[in-house]
Amino acid sequence: MEKIAIIRDKSELDSTAYVEIISGKYQGKHWQNGSLFFDEETFGYIEPIFRRNISGYDHYNMNDGSKTEWLKIILELQELNDILSASTNFSDCLDSIGFIFKSTKVQFQENHIEAKEQLIKLNNELITWAKEELKTHEHIAILGL
């Protein structure tokens, strides 16, 4: 199973197929220091939350999420963590997670305990980062593929 984690070090990126999250509105720049990077499969687990909360969200485009939208995202990430924490088997959390690829779903199911723990950790890291960034920014951008 691929590790479910946020990538902070740009040297760990091996292609351009990553979702990048940056502080502030999109200013035409990619691969910025301080950005959070997610491989497509990993971001897919939480992408439905962004789709529900960012007006006009597009997987392949640049999306500026307002502070209000991000506060909703944070709440849903916390709710997802509650569901994951309480889940004893894959079916308990199946409807709460996004899967872009069928193989990702199979891997998550086969490694449910490890996968849910890694996803909880990722969500906590993203929540902490977003809360800190929202203290000084009115937007956080999600740069799609």
Protein backbone atom coordinates (compact mmCIF):
# COMPACT_ATOMS: atom_id res chain seq x y z
CA MET A 1 0.00 0.00 0.00
CA GLU A 2 1.23 3.48 -0.87
CA LYS A 3 1.74 5.69 2.17
CA ILE A 4 -1.14 8.11 2.79
CA ALA A 5 0.64 11.34 3.67
CA ILE A 6 1.11 15.00 2.89
CA ILE A 7 4.33 15.79 1.04
CA ARG A 8 6.07 18.97 2.19
CA ASP A 9 9.48 18.50 0.57
CA LYS A 10 9.38 19.33 -3.15
CA SER A 11 12.39 17.07 -3.75
CA GLU A 12 10.10 14.09 -3.00
CA LEU A 13 7.87 14.90 -5.98
CA ASP A 14 8.59 12.68 -8.97
CA SER A 15 6.17 14.11 -11.55
CA THR A 16 3.62 16.90 -11.88
CA ALA A 17 0.58 14.77 -10.95
CA TYR A 18 0.08 16.38 -7.56
CA VAL A 19 -2.55 18.54 -5.94
CA GLU A 20 -0.93 21.56 -4.28
CA ILE A 21 -2.49 23.55 -1.45
CA ILE A 22 -1.14 27.07 -0.89
CA SER A 23 -1.87 29.95 1.45
CA GLY A 24 -3.84 32.80 -0.06
CA LYS A 25 -5.40 33.05 -3.51
CA TYR A 26 -3.74 31.46 -6.53
CA GLN A 27 -1.23 33.97 -7.96
CA GLY A 28 -0.10 32.02 -11.04
CA LYS A 29 2.74 30.22 -9.27
CA HIS A 30 3.12 26.50 -8.62
CA TRP A 31 5.56 24.45 -6.56
CA GLN A 32 5.90 27.07 -3.85
CA ASN A 33 7.85 26.63 -0.65
CA GLY A 34 5.46 26.04 2.23
CA SER A 35 2.88 24.34 0.00
CA LEU A 36 1.31 21.02 0.87
CA PHE A 37 1.40 18.40 -1.88
CA PHE A 38 -0.81 15.34 -2.29
CA ASP A 39 -0.53 12.62 -4.88
CA GLU A 40 -3.79 12.21 -6.76
CA GLU A 41 -4.80 8.97 -5.01
CA THR A 42 -4.19 10.41 -1.57
CA PHE A 43 -6.09 13.63 -2.23
CA GLY A 44 -8.91 11.53 -3.63
CA TYR A 45 -9.73 10.23 -0.15
CA ILE A 46 -10.72 13.72 0.99
CA GLU A 47 -11.61 15.38 -2.32
CA PRO A 48 -15.39 14.93 -1.89
CA ILE A 49 -15.15 17.29 1.11
CA PHE A 50 -13.62 19.98 -1.11
CA ARG A 51 -16.13 19.34 -3.88
CA ARG A 52 -19.00 19.86 -1.42
CA ASN A 53 -17.60 23.01 0.15
CA ILE A 54 -15.75 25.03 -2.50
CA SER A 55 -18.03 26.68 -5.01
CA GLY A 56 -17.17 25.54 -8.55
CA TYR A 57 -14.44 23.15 -7.37
CA ASP A 58 -12.62 21.49 -10.28
CA HIS A 59 -10.13 18.61 -9.91
CA TYR A 60 -8.12 19.93 -12.89
CA ASN A 61 -8.19 23.66 -12.17
CA MET A 62 -7.11 26.30 -9.67
CA ASN A 63 -9.59 26.70 -6.81
CA ASP A 64 -9.55 29.58 -4.32
CA GLY A 65 -11.29 28.49 -1.14
CA SER A 66 -12.55 31.28 1.11
CA LYS A 67 -12.06 31.28 4.86
CA THR A 68 -15.77 30.40 5.29
CA GLU A 69 -15.43 27.45 2.89
CA TRP A 70 -12.28 26.26 4.64
CA LEU A 71 -13.91 26.37 8.05
CA LYS A 72 -16.55 23.98 6.66
CA ILE A 73 -13.81 21.78 5.20
CA ILE A 74 -12.06 21.64 8.57
CA LEU A 75 -15.30 20.56 10.27
CA GLU A 76 -15.87 17.82 7.70
CA LEU A 77 -12.27 16.60 8.02
CA GLN A 78 -12.80 16.35 11.78
CA GLU A 79 -16.09 14.48 11.22
CA LEU A 80 -14.30 12.10 8.85
CA ASN A 81 -11.68 11.45 11.53
CA ASP A 82 -14.44 10.62 14.01
CA ILE A 83 -15.93 8.12 11.54
CA LEU A 84 -12.51 6.61 10.81
CA SER A 85 -11.64 6.35 14.50
CA ALA A 86 -14.88 4.53 15.25
CA SER A 87 -14.66 2.19 12.25
CA THR A 88 -13.83 -1.41 12.98
CA ASN A 89 -14.07 -2.53 9.37
CA PHE A 90 -13.95 -1.00 5.92
CA SER A 91 -17.71 -0.89 5.41
CA ASP A 92 -18.04 1.44 8.44
CA CYS A 93 -16.23 4.23 6.59
CA LEU A 94 -16.75 3.32 2.93
CA ASP A 95 -19.35 6.02 2.25
CA SER A 96 -17.24 8.74 3.89
CA ILE A 97 -14.07 8.37 1.80
CA GLY A 98 -13.45 9.25 -1.83
CA PHE A 99 -11.75 6.84 -4.21
CA ILE A 100 -10.52 8.07 -7.59
CA PHE A 101 -9.24 4.65 -8.63
CA LYS A 102 -10.70 1.21 -7.95
CA SER A 103 -7.25 -0.08 -7.00
CA THR A 104 -7.03 2.56 -4.26
CA LYS A 105 -10.31 1.37 -2.80
CA VAL A 106 -9.07 -2.24 -2.79
CA GLN A 107 -5.78 -1.25 -1.12
CA PHE A 108 -7.61 0.77 1.54
CA GLN A 109 -9.94 -2.14 2.23
CA GLU A 110 -7.13 -4.70 2.42
CA ASN A 111 -5.11 -2.47 4.78
CA HIS A 112 -8.02 -0.86 6.61
CA ILE A 113 -6.40 -0.35 10.03
CA GLU A 114 -3.12 1.08 8.71
CA ALA A 115 -4.88 3.13 6.02
CA LYS A 116 -7.39 4.69 8.38
CA GLU A 117 -4.63 5.59 10.86
CA GLN A 118 -2.59 7.25 8.10
CA LEU A 119 -5.64 9.14 6.82
CA ILE A 120 -6.49 10.38 10.32
CA LYS A 121 -2.90 11.62 10.68
CA LEU A 122 -3.06 13.36 7.28
CA ASN A 123 -6.37 15.02 8.17
CA ASN A 124 -5.03 16.22 11.52
CA GLU A 125 -1.96 17.67 9.84
CA LEU A 126 -4.08 19.44 7.21
CA ILE A 127 -6.51 20.77 9.85
CA THR A 128 -3.65 22.15 11.96
CA TRP A 129 -1.98 23.75 8.93
CA ALA A 130 -5.23 25.28 7.63
CA LYS A 131 -6.22 26.72 11.01
CA GLU A 132 -2.82 28.38 11.29
CA GLU A 133 -2.95 29.76 7.72
CA LEU A 134 -6.49 31.10 8.19
CA LYS A 135 -5.21 33.33 11.00
CA THR A 136 -3.40 35.46 8.39
CA HIS A 137 -5.10 34.60 5.06
CA GLU A 138 -8.68 34.97 3.86
CA HIS A 139 -8.21 32.21 1.26
CA ILE A 140 -6.38 28.95 0.75
CA ALA A 141 -6.00 27.73 -2.84
CA ILE A 142 -6.19 24.18 -4.09
CA LEU A 143 -4.23 23.77 -7.33
CA GLY A 144 -5.61 20.79 -9.22
CA LEU A 145 -3.78 18.54 -11.63
